[in-house]
Amino acid sequence: MIVTRDVADRFRGFLASCMLEIAPGVYTAPRMSAGVRERVWTVLAEWHAALGGGSIVMTWRDPKEPCGQGLRTLGLPARTFVSLDGGLVTTVDRTS
């Protein structure tokens, strides 16, 4: 699942070409392979670095990660996910 906020239209068009948009800015593809997920994230990260603006969160099932869920983010405020007592908590860098 990918959630976008305040991103350029190219992000939305790209994501809609490989995932189902179930609500504005919310995309899902429950059977997306790890390889495709990595390629999608690479494209999003490159575009975000070039264009800036907005934020993107990607989450997927990953039994090796805390709570069985992998997470990645782009945008501000910068967020870091930390494992705490078997769960995940979010820290926000307010200095950026």
PDB file of N, CA and C in Angstrom:
ATOM      1  N   MET A   1       0.853  -1.168   0.000  1.00  0.00           N
ATOM      2  CA  MET A   1       0.000   0.000   0.000  1.00  0.00           C
ATOM      3  C   MET A   1       0.896   1.227   0.000  1.00  0.00           C
ATOM      4  N   ILE A   2       0.504   2.215  -0.769  1.00  0.00           N
ATOM      5  CA  ILE A   2       1.211   3.488  -0.817  1.00  0.00           C
ATOM      6  C   ILE A   2       0.195   4.598  -0.599  1.00  0.00           C
ATOM      7  N   VAL A   3       0.561   5.543   0.258  1.00  0.00           N
ATOM      8  CA  VAL A   3      -0.271   6.715   0.507  1.00  0.00           C
ATOM      9  C   VAL A   3       0.545   7.945   0.130  1.00  0.00           C
ATOM     10  N   THR A   4      -0.041   8.808  -0.696  1.00  0.00           N
ATOM     11  CA  THR A   4       0.646  10.028  -1.113  1.00  0.00           C
ATOM     12  C   THR A   4      -0.111  11.247  -0.602  1.00  0.00           C
ATOM     13  N   ARG A   5       0.645  12.327  -0.423  1.00  0.00           N
ATOM     14  CA  ARG A   5       0.036  13.598  -0.018  1.00  0.00           C
ATOM     15  C   ARG A   5       0.770  14.735  -0.721  1.00  0.00           C
ATOM     16  N   ASP A   6       0.040  15.562  -1.424  1.00  0.00           N
ATOM     17  CA  ASP A   6       0.583  16.755  -2.079  1.00  0.00           C
ATOM     18  C   ASP A   6       1.742  16.444  -3.022  1.00  0.00           C
ATOM     19  N   VAL A   7       1.582  15.417  -3.859  1.00  0.00           N
ATOM     20  CA  VAL A   7       2.620  15.071  -4.831  1.00  0.00           C
ATOM     21  C   VAL A   7       2.184  15.505  -6.232  1.00  0.00           C
ATOM     22  N   ALA A   8       3.155  15.613  -7.134  1.00  0.00           N
ATOM     23  CA  ALA A   8       2.873  15.994  -8.520  1.00  0.00           C
ATOM     24  C   ALA A   8       2.025  14.917  -9.198  1.00  0.00           C
ATOM     25  N   ASP A   9       1.304  15.309 -10.229  1.00  0.00           N
ATOM     26  CA  ASP A   9       0.420  14.385 -10.945  1.00  0.00           C
ATOM     27  C   ASP A   9       1.157  13.174 -11.508  1.00  0.00           C
ATOM     28  N   ARG A  10       2.436  13.321 -11.863  1.00  0.00           N
ATOM     29  CA  ARG A  10       3.164  12.181 -12.427  1.00  0.00           C
ATOM     30  C   ARG A  10       3.227  11.013 -11.444  1.00  0.00           C
ATOM     31  N   PHE A  11       3.314  11.293 -10.138  1.00  0.00           N
ATOM     32  CA  PHE A  11       3.328  10.226  -9.140  1.00  0.00           C
ATOM     33  C   PHE A  11       2.013   9.454  -9.190  1.00  0.00           C
ATOM     34  N   ARG A  12       0.925  10.202  -9.221  1.00  0.00           N
ATOM     35  CA  ARG A  12      -0.398   9.567  -9.217  1.00  0.00           C
ATOM     36  C   ARG A  12      -0.615   8.743 -10.474  1.00  0.00           C
ATOM     37  N   GLY A  13      -0.203   9.263 -11.624  1.00  0.00           N
ATOM     38  CA  GLY A  13      -0.356   8.523 -12.876  1.00  0.00           C
ATOM     39  C   GLY A  13       0.462   7.251 -12.887  1.00  0.00           C
ATOM     40  N   PHE A  14       1.707   7.356 -12.418  1.00  0.00           N
ATOM     41  CA  PHE A  14       2.578   6.183 -12.363  1.00  0.00           C
ATOM     42  C   PHE A  14       2.005   5.122 -11.432  1.00  0.00           C
ATOM     43  N   LEU A  15       1.601   5.529 -10.237  1.00  0.00           N
ATOM     44  CA  LEU A  15       1.068   4.560  -9.276  1.00  0.00           C
ATOM     45  C   LEU A  15      -0.227   3.929  -9.775  1.00  0.00           C
ATOM     46  N   ALA A  16      -1.076   4.711 -10.426  1.00  0.00           N
ATOM     47  CA  ALA A  16      -2.333   4.171 -10.956  1.00  0.00           C
ATOM     48  C   ALA A  16      -2.084   3.174 -12.084  1.00  0.00           C
ATOM     49  N   SER A  17      -0.906   3.237 -12.717  1.00  0.00           N
ATOM     50  CA  SER A  17      -0.596   2.295 -13.797  1.00  0.00           C
ATOM     51  C   SER A  17      -0.178   0.923 -13.277  1.00  0.00           C
ATOM     52  N   CYS A  18       0.204   0.844 -11.998  1.00  0.00           N
ATOM     53  CA  CYS A  18       0.658  -0.449 -11.475  1.00  0.00           C
ATOM     54  C   CYS A  18      -0.061  -0.872 -10.193  1.00  0.00           C
ATOM     55  N   MET A  19      -0.943  -0.022  -9.679  1.00  0.00           N
ATOM     56  CA  MET A  19      -1.675  -0.331  -8.457  1.00  0.00           C
ATOM     57  C   MET A  19      -3.105   0.184  -8.603  1.00  0.00           C
ATOM     58  N   LEU A  20      -3.985  -0.257  -7.724  1.00  0.00           N
ATOM     59  CA  LEU A  20      -5.370   0.198  -7.711  1.00  0.00           C
ATOM     60  C   LEU A  20      -5.487   1.387  -6.761  1.00  0.00           C
ATOM     61  N   GLU A  21      -6.033   2.502  -7.252  1.00  0.00           N
ATOM     62  CA  GLU A  21      -6.258   3.665  -6.394  1.00  0.00           C
ATOM     63  C   GLU A  21      -7.625   3.494  -5.727  1.00  0.00           C
ATOM     64  N   ILE A  22      -7.623   3.171  -4.432  1.00  0.00           N
ATOM     65  CA  ILE A  22      -8.871   2.876  -3.723  1.00  0.00           C
ATOM     66  C   ILE A  22      -9.501   4.111  -3.091  1.00  0.00           C
ATOM     67  N   ALA A  23      -8.732   5.166  -2.956  1.00  0.00           N
ATOM     68  CA  ALA A  23      -9.195   6.467  -2.471  1.00  0.00           C
ATOM     69  C   ALA A  23      -8.179   7.476  -2.991  1.00  0.00           C
ATOM     70  N   PRO A  24      -8.509   8.758  -3.013  1.00  0.00           N
ATOM     71  CA  PRO A  24      -7.541   9.721  -3.527  1.00  0.00           C
ATOM     72  C   PRO A  24      -6.194   9.625  -2.805  1.00  0.00           C
ATOM     73  N   GLY A  25      -5.149   9.300  -3.558  1.00  0.00           N
ATOM     74  CA  GLY A  25      -3.809   9.213  -2.996  1.00  0.00           C
ATOM     75  C   GLY A  25      -3.495   7.928  -2.256  1.00  0.00           C
ATOM     76  N   VAL A  26      -4.387   6.940  -2.294  1.00  0.00           N
ATOM     77  CA  VAL A  26      -4.177   5.666  -1.595  1.00  0.00           C
ATOM     78  C   VAL A  26      -4.186   4.540  -2.626  1.00  0.00           C
ATOM     79  N   TYR A  27      -3.064   3.830  -2.728  1.00  0.00           N
ATOM     80  CA  TYR A  27      -2.880   2.801  -3.755  1.00  0.00           C
ATOM     81  C   TYR A  27      -2.581   1.466  -3.093  1.00  0.00           C
ATOM     82  N   THR A  28      -3.112   0.392  -3.685  1.00  0.00           N
ATOM     83  CA  THR A  28      -2.895  -0.932  -3.126  1.00  0.00           C
ATOM     84  C   THR A  28      -2.656  -1.949  -4.234  1.00  0.00           C
ATOM     85  N   ALA A  29      -1.822  -2.922  -3.926  1.00  0.00           N
ATOM     86  CA  ALA A  29      -1.552  -4.052  -4.823  1.00  0.00           C
ATOM     87  C   ALA A  29      -1.104  -5.208  -3.932  1.00  0.00           C
ATOM     88  N   PRO A  30      -2.057  -5.962  -3.386  1.00  0.00           N
ATOM     89  CA  PRO A  30      -1.730  -6.969  -2.374  1.00  0.00           C
ATOM     90  C   PRO A  30      -0.799  -8.080  -2.851  1.00  0.00           C
ATOM     91  N   ARG A  31      -0.710  -8.315  -4.146  1.00  0.00           N
ATOM     92  CA  ARG A  31       0.145  -9.396  -4.636  1.00  0.00           C
ATOM     93  C   ARG A  31       1.399  -8.881  -5.349  1.00  0.00           C
ATOM     94  N   MET A  32       1.780  -7.654  -5.087  1.00  0.00           N
ATOM     95  CA  MET A  32       2.964  -7.083  -5.716  1.00  0.00           C
ATOM     96  C   MET A  32       4.212  -7.805  -5.214  1.00  0.00           C
ATOM     97  N   SER A  33       5.051  -8.242  -6.137  1.00  0.00           N
ATOM     98  CA  SER A  33       6.273  -8.955  -5.755  1.00  0.00           C
ATOM     99  C   SER A  33       7.290  -7.979  -5.157  1.00  0.00           C
ATOM    100  N   ALA A  34       8.251  -8.529  -4.435  1.00  0.00           N
ATOM    101  CA  ALA A  34       9.297  -7.700  -3.828  1.00  0.00           C
ATOM    102  C   ALA A  34      10.084  -6.953  -4.893  1.00  0.00           C
ATOM    103  N   GLY A  35      10.353  -7.594  -6.020  1.00  0.00           N
ATOM    104  CA  GLY A  35      11.099  -6.946  -7.095  1.00  0.00           C
ATOM    105  C   GLY A  35      10.361  -5.754  -7.681  1.00  0.00           C
ATOM    106  N   VAL A  36       9.074  -5.920  -7.934  1.00  0.00           N
ATOM    107  CA  VAL A  36       8.267  -4.814  -8.466  1.00  0.00           C
ATOM    108  C   VAL A  36       8.163  -3.707  -7.424  1.00  0.00           C
ATOM    109  N   ARG A  37       7.961  -4.077  -6.168  1.00  0.00           N
ATOM    110  CA  ARG A  37       7.877  -3.084  -5.090  1.00  0.00           C
ATOM    111  C   ARG A  37       9.160  -2.252  -5.027  1.00  0.00           C
ATOM    112  N   GLU A  38      10.317  -2.904  -5.141  1.00  0.00           N
ATOM    113  CA  GLU A  38      11.594  -2.189  -5.113  1.00  0.00           C
ATOM    114  C   GLU A  38      11.719  -1.237  -6.298  1.00  0.00           C
ATOM    115  N   ARG A  39      11.288  -1.681  -7.473  1.00  0.00           N
ATOM    116  CA  ARG A  39      11.356  -0.826  -8.664  1.00  0.00           C
ATOM    117  C   ARG A  39      10.425   0.371  -8.517  1.00  0.00           C
ATOM    118  N   VAL A  40       9.221   0.148  -8.040  1.00  0.00           N
ATOM    119  CA  VAL A  40       8.280   1.248  -7.820  1.00  0.00           C
ATOM    120  C   VAL A  40       8.880   2.250  -6.838  1.00  0.00           C
ATOM    121  N   TRP A  41       9.449   1.757  -5.734  1.00  0.00           N
ATOM    122  CA  TRP A  41      10.023   2.657  -4.736  1.00  0.00           C
ATOM    123  C   TRP A  41      11.205   3.435  -5.316  1.00  0.00           C
ATOM    124  N   THR A  42      12.026   2.791  -6.134  1.00  0.00           N
ATOM    125  CA  THR A  42      13.162   3.470  -6.758  1.00  0.00           C
ATOM    126  C   THR A  42      12.683   4.629  -7.624  1.00  0.00           C
ATOM    127  N   VAL A  43      11.657   4.389  -8.430  1.00  0.00           N
ATOM    128  CA  VAL A  43      11.100   5.453  -9.281  1.00  0.00           C
ATOM    129  C   VAL A  43      10.570   6.594  -8.412  1.00  0.00           C
ATOM    130  N   LEU A  44       9.798   6.269  -7.389  1.00  0.00           N
ATOM    131  CA  LEU A  44       9.237   7.298  -6.517  1.00  0.00           C
ATOM    132  C   LEU A  44      10.337   8.103  -5.828  1.00  0.00           C
ATOM    133  N   ALA A  45      11.359   7.419  -5.329  1.00  0.00           N
ATOM    134  CA  ALA A  45      12.452   8.098  -4.624  1.00  0.00           C
ATOM    135  C   ALA A  45      13.225   9.022  -5.566  1.00  0.00           C
ATOM    136  N   GLU A  46      13.479   8.568  -6.791  1.00  0.00           N
ATOM    137  CA  GLU A  46      14.200   9.402  -7.761  1.00  0.00           C
ATOM    138  C   GLU A  46      13.382  10.637  -8.124  1.00  0.00           C
ATOM    139  N   TRP A  47      12.098  10.447  -8.387  1.00  0.00           N
ATOM    140  CA  TRP A  47      11.246  11.591  -8.716  1.00  0.00           C
ATOM    141  C   TRP A  47      11.137  12.546  -7.539  1.00  0.00           C
ATOM    142  N   HIS A  48      10.995  11.999  -6.335  1.00  0.00           N
ATOM    143  CA  HIS A  48      10.864  12.857  -5.153  1.00  0.00           C
ATOM    144  C   HIS A  48      12.138  13.665  -4.938  1.00  0.00           C
ATOM    145  N   ALA A  49      13.293  13.053  -5.157  1.00  0.00           N
ATOM    146  CA  ALA A  49      14.562  13.773  -5.012  1.00  0.00           C
ATOM    147  C   ALA A  49      14.668  14.897  -6.047  1.00  0.00           C
ATOM    148  N   ALA A  50      14.175  14.650  -7.256  1.00  0.00           N
ATOM    149  CA  ALA A  50      14.264  15.641  -8.328  1.00  0.00           C
ATOM    150  C   ALA A  50      13.217  16.750  -8.194  1.00  0.00           C
ATOM    151  N   LEU A  51      12.008  16.386  -7.781  1.00  0.00           N
ATOM    152  CA  LEU A  51      10.899  17.340  -7.763  1.00  0.00           C
ATOM    153  C   LEU A  51      10.609  17.923  -6.387  1.00  0.00           C
ATOM    154  N   GLY A  52      10.900  17.138  -5.340  1.00  0.00           N
ATOM    155  CA  GLY A  52      10.582  17.575  -3.984  1.00  0.00           C
ATOM    156  C   GLY A  52       9.083  17.689  -3.769  1.00  0.00           C
ATOM    157  N   GLY A  53       8.701  18.178  -2.621  1.00  0.00           N
ATOM    158  CA  GLY A  53       7.299  18.407  -2.306  1.00  0.00           C
ATOM    159  C   GLY A  53       6.544  17.146  -1.961  1.00  0.00           C
ATOM    160  N   GLY A  54       5.549  17.302  -1.112  1.00  0.00           N
ATOM    161  CA  GLY A  54       4.683  16.190  -0.760  1.00  0.00           C
ATOM    162  C   GLY A  54       5.355  15.130   0.082  1.00  0.00           C
ATOM    163  N   SER A  55       4.595  14.096   0.364  1.00  0.00           N
ATOM    164  CA  SER A  55       5.128  12.973   1.134  1.00  0.00           C
ATOM    165  C   SER A  55       4.513  11.675   0.632  1.00  0.00           C
ATOM    166  N   ILE A  56       5.262  10.589   0.845  1.00  0.00           N
ATOM    167  CA  ILE A  56       4.854   9.264   0.390  1.00  0.00           C
ATOM    168  C   ILE A  56       5.180   8.264   1.486  1.00  0.00           C
ATOM    169  N   VAL A  57       4.240   7.377   1.770  1.00  0.00           N
ATOM    170  CA  VAL A  57       4.453   6.280   2.719  1.00  0.00           C
ATOM    171  C   VAL A  57       4.133   4.981   1.998  1.00  0.00           C
ATOM    172  N   MET A  58       5.036   4.014   2.106  1.00  0.00           N
ATOM    173  CA  MET A  58       4.801   2.680   1.541  1.00  0.00           C
ATOM    174  C   MET A  58       4.836   1.675   2.687  1.00  0.00           C
ATOM    175  N   THR A  59       3.885   0.753   2.688  1.00  0.00           N
ATOM    176  CA  THR A  59       3.862  -0.318   3.676  1.00  0.00           C
ATOM    177  C   THR A  59       3.523  -1.631   2.985  1.00  0.00           C
ATOM    178  N   TRP A  60       4.087  -2.717   3.489  1.00  0.00           N
ATOM    179  CA  TRP A  60       3.843  -4.041   2.913  1.00  0.00           C
ATOM    180  C   TRP A  60       4.059  -5.097   3.986  1.00  0.00           C
ATOM    181  N   ARG A  61       3.520  -6.276   3.739  1.00  0.00           N
ATOM    182  CA  ARG A  61       3.674  -7.403   4.663  1.00  0.00           C
ATOM    183  C   ARG A  61       5.107  -7.892   4.599  1.00  0.00           C
ATOM    184  N   ASP A  62       5.760  -7.984   5.767  1.00  0.00           N
ATOM    185  CA  ASP A  62       7.130  -8.492   5.848  1.00  0.00           C
ATOM    186  C   ASP A  62       7.315  -9.162   7.204  1.00  0.00           C
ATOM    187  N   PRO A  63       7.237 -10.497   7.240  1.00  0.00           N
ATOM    188  CA  PRO A  63       7.317 -11.202   8.522  1.00  0.00           C
ATOM    189  C   PRO A  63       8.635 -10.994   9.268  1.00  0.00           C
ATOM    190  N   LYS A  64       9.664 -10.509   8.581  1.00  0.00           N
ATOM    191  CA  LYS A  64      10.966 -10.301   9.227  1.00  0.00           C
ATOM    192  C   LYS A  64      11.056  -8.960   9.958  1.00  0.00           C
ATOM    193  N   GLU A  65      10.118  -8.067   9.703  1.00  0.00           N
ATOM    194  CA  GLU A  65      10.136  -6.737  10.309  1.00  0.00           C
ATOM    195  C   GLU A  65       9.264  -6.708  11.566  1.00  0.00           C
ATOM    196  N   PRO A  66       9.498  -5.727  12.457  1.00  0.00           N
ATOM    197  CA  PRO A  66       8.635  -5.594  13.633  1.00  0.00           C
ATOM    198  C   PRO A  66       7.171  -5.466  13.210  1.00  0.00           C
ATOM    199  N   CYS A  67       6.306  -6.126  13.911  1.00  0.00           N
ATOM    200  CA  CYS A  67       4.859  -6.144  13.622  1.00  0.00           C
ATOM    201  C   CYS A  67       4.542  -6.781  12.281  1.00  0.00           C
ATOM    202  N   GLY A  68       5.533  -7.430  11.643  1.00  0.00           N
ATOM    203  CA  GLY A  68       5.294  -8.083  10.363  1.00  0.00           C
ATOM    204  C   GLY A  68       5.008  -7.120   9.226  1.00  0.00           C
ATOM    205  N   GLN A  69       5.502  -5.893   9.354  1.00  0.00           N
ATOM    206  CA  GLN A  69       5.172  -4.853   8.392  1.00  0.00           C
ATOM    207  C   GLN A  69       6.408  -4.032   8.044  1.00  0.00           C
ATOM    208  N   GLY A  70       6.714  -3.953   6.728  1.00  0.00           N
ATOM    209  CA  GLY A  70       7.790  -3.088   6.261  1.00  0.00           C
ATOM    210  C   GLY A  70       7.244  -1.698   5.989  1.00  0.00           C
ATOM    211  N   LEU A  71       8.052  -0.672   6.234  1.00  0.00           N
ATOM    212  CA  LEU A  71       7.628   0.719   6.047  1.00  0.00           C
ATOM    213  C   LEU A  71       8.753   1.542   5.445  1.00  0.00           C
ATOM    214  N   ARG A  72       8.393   2.450   4.539  1.00  0.00           N
ATOM    215  CA  ARG A  72       9.331   3.425   3.983  1.00  0.00           C
ATOM    216  C   ARG A  72       8.594   4.749   3.839  1.00  0.00           C
ATOM    217  N   THR A  73       9.335   5.842   3.967  1.00  0.00           N
ATOM    218  CA  THR A  73       8.724   7.162   3.811  1.00  0.00           C
ATOM    219  C   THR A  73       9.623   8.081   3.000  1.00  0.00           C
ATOM    220  N   LEU A  74       9.005   9.026   2.332  1.00  0.00           N
ATOM    221  CA  LEU A  74       9.679  10.130   1.657  1.00  0.00           C
ATOM    222  C   LEU A  74       8.936  11.399   2.023  1.00  0.00           C
ATOM    223  N   GLY A  75       9.648  12.495   2.175  1.00  0.00           N
ATOM    224  CA  GLY A  75       8.996  13.777   2.408  1.00  0.00           C
ATOM    225  C   GLY A  75       9.181  14.292   3.813  1.00  0.00           C
ATOM    226  N   LEU A  76       8.538  15.420   4.057  1.00  0.00           N
ATOM    227  CA  LEU A  76       8.659  16.089   5.342  1.00  0.00           C
ATOM    228  C   LEU A  76       7.316  16.085   6.051  1.00  0.00           C
ATOM    229  N   PRO A  77       7.296  16.065   7.366  1.00  0.00           N
ATOM    230  CA  PRO A  77       8.495  15.962   8.183  1.00  0.00           C
ATOM    231  C   PRO A  77       9.107  14.574   8.080  1.00  0.00           C
ATOM    232  N   ALA A  78      10.431  14.529   8.158  1.00  0.00           N
ATOM    233  CA  ALA A  78      11.140  13.250   8.079  1.00  0.00           C
ATOM    234  C   ALA A  78      10.722  12.366   9.250  1.00  0.00           C
ATOM    235  N   ARG A  79      10.389  11.127   8.948  1.00  0.00           N
ATOM    236  CA  ARG A  79       9.944  10.192   9.987  1.00  0.00           C
ATOM    237  C   ARG A  79      10.870   8.983  10.023  1.00  0.00           C
ATOM    238  N   THR A  80      11.086   8.493  11.220  1.00  0.00           N
ATOM    239  CA  THR A  80      11.871   7.288  11.419  1.00  0.00           C
ATOM    240  C   THR A  80      11.022   6.318  12.225  1.00  0.00           C
ATOM    241  N   PHE A  81      11.014   5.057  11.809  1.00  0.00           N
ATOM    242  CA  PHE A  81      10.262   4.037  12.529  1.00  0.00           C
ATOM    243  C   PHE A  81      11.225   3.255  13.403  1.00  0.00           C
ATOM    244  N   VAL A  82      10.845   3.090  14.671  1.00  0.00           N
ATOM    245  CA  VAL A  82      11.693   2.435  15.653  1.00  0.00           C
ATOM    246  C   VAL A  82      10.905   1.298  16.294  1.00  0.00           C
ATOM    247  N   SER A  83      11.560   0.143  16.441  1.00  0.00           N
ATOM    248  CA  SER A  83      10.934  -0.985  17.117  1.00  0.00           C
ATOM    249  C   SER A  83      10.989  -0.751  18.625  1.00  0.00           C
ATOM    250  N   LEU A  84       9.848  -0.893  19.281  1.00  0.00           N
ATOM    251  CA  LEU A  84       9.775  -0.693  20.720  1.00  0.00           C
ATOM    252  C   LEU A  84       8.823  -1.721  21.307  1.00  0.00           C
ATOM    253  N   ASP A  85       9.334  -2.604  22.129  1.00  0.00           N
ATOM    254  CA  ASP A  85       8.520  -3.630  22.785  1.00  0.00           C
ATOM    255  C   ASP A  85       7.675  -4.430  21.803  1.00  0.00           C
ATOM    256  N   GLY A  86       8.262  -4.793  20.669  1.00  0.00           N
ATOM    257  CA  GLY A  86       7.572  -5.618  19.688  1.00  0.00           C
ATOM    258  C   GLY A  86       6.652  -4.856  18.756  1.00  0.00           C
ATOM    259  N   GLY A  87       6.576  -3.555  18.917  1.00  0.00           N
ATOM    260  CA  GLY A  87       5.738  -2.729  18.043  1.00  0.00           C
ATOM    261  C   GLY A  87       6.580  -1.674  17.348  1.00  0.00           C
ATOM    262  N   LEU A  88       5.948  -0.855  16.557  1.00  0.00           N
ATOM    263  CA  LEU A  88       6.634   0.235  15.871  1.00  0.00           C
ATOM    264  C   LEU A  88       6.126   1.567  16.394  1.00  0.00           C
ATOM    265  N   VAL A  89       7.042   2.487  16.609  1.00  0.00           N
ATOM    266  CA  VAL A  89       6.678   3.861  16.943  1.00  0.00           C
ATOM    267  C   VAL A  89       7.341   4.774  15.924  1.00  0.00           C
ATOM    268  N   THR A  90       6.787   5.945  15.746  1.00  0.00           N
ATOM    269  CA  THR A  90       7.297   6.908  14.786  1.00  0.00           C
ATOM    270  C   THR A  90       7.953   8.059  15.519  1.00  0.00           C
ATOM    271  N   THR A  91       9.143   8.427  15.054  1.00  0.00           N
ATOM    272  CA  THR A  91       9.787   9.635  15.552  1.00  0.00           C
ATOM    273  C   THR A  91       9.832  10.631  14.406  1.00  0.00           C
ATOM    274  N   VAL A  92       9.684  11.903  14.728  1.00  0.00           N
ATOM    275  CA  VAL A  92       9.674  12.952  13.714  1.00  0.00           C
ATOM    276  C   VAL A  92      10.849  13.877  13.963  1.00  0.00           C
ATOM    277  N   ASP A  93      11.639  14.122  12.909  1.00  0.00           N
ATOM    278  CA  ASP A  93      12.767  15.042  12.990  1.00  0.00           C
ATOM    279  C   ASP A  93      12.246  16.453  12.757  1.00  0.00           C
ATOM    280  N   ARG A  94      12.171  17.243  13.790  1.00  0.00           N
ATOM    281  CA  ARG A  94      11.634  18.608  13.687  1.00  0.00           C
ATOM    282  C   ARG A  94      12.722  19.627  13.341  1.00  0.00           C
ATOM    283  N   THR A  95      13.968  19.186  13.162  1.00  0.00           N
ATOM    284  CA  THR A  95      15.055  20.115  12.858  1.00  0.00           C
ATOM    285  C   THR A  95      15.205  20.377  11.375  1.00  0.00           C
ATOM    286  N   SER A  96      14.557  19.591  10.511  1.00  0.00           N
ATOM    287  CA  SER A  96      14.696  19.764   9.055  1.00  0.00           C
ATOM    288  C   SER A  96      13.920  20.950   8.563  1.00  0.00           C
TER     289      SER A  96
END
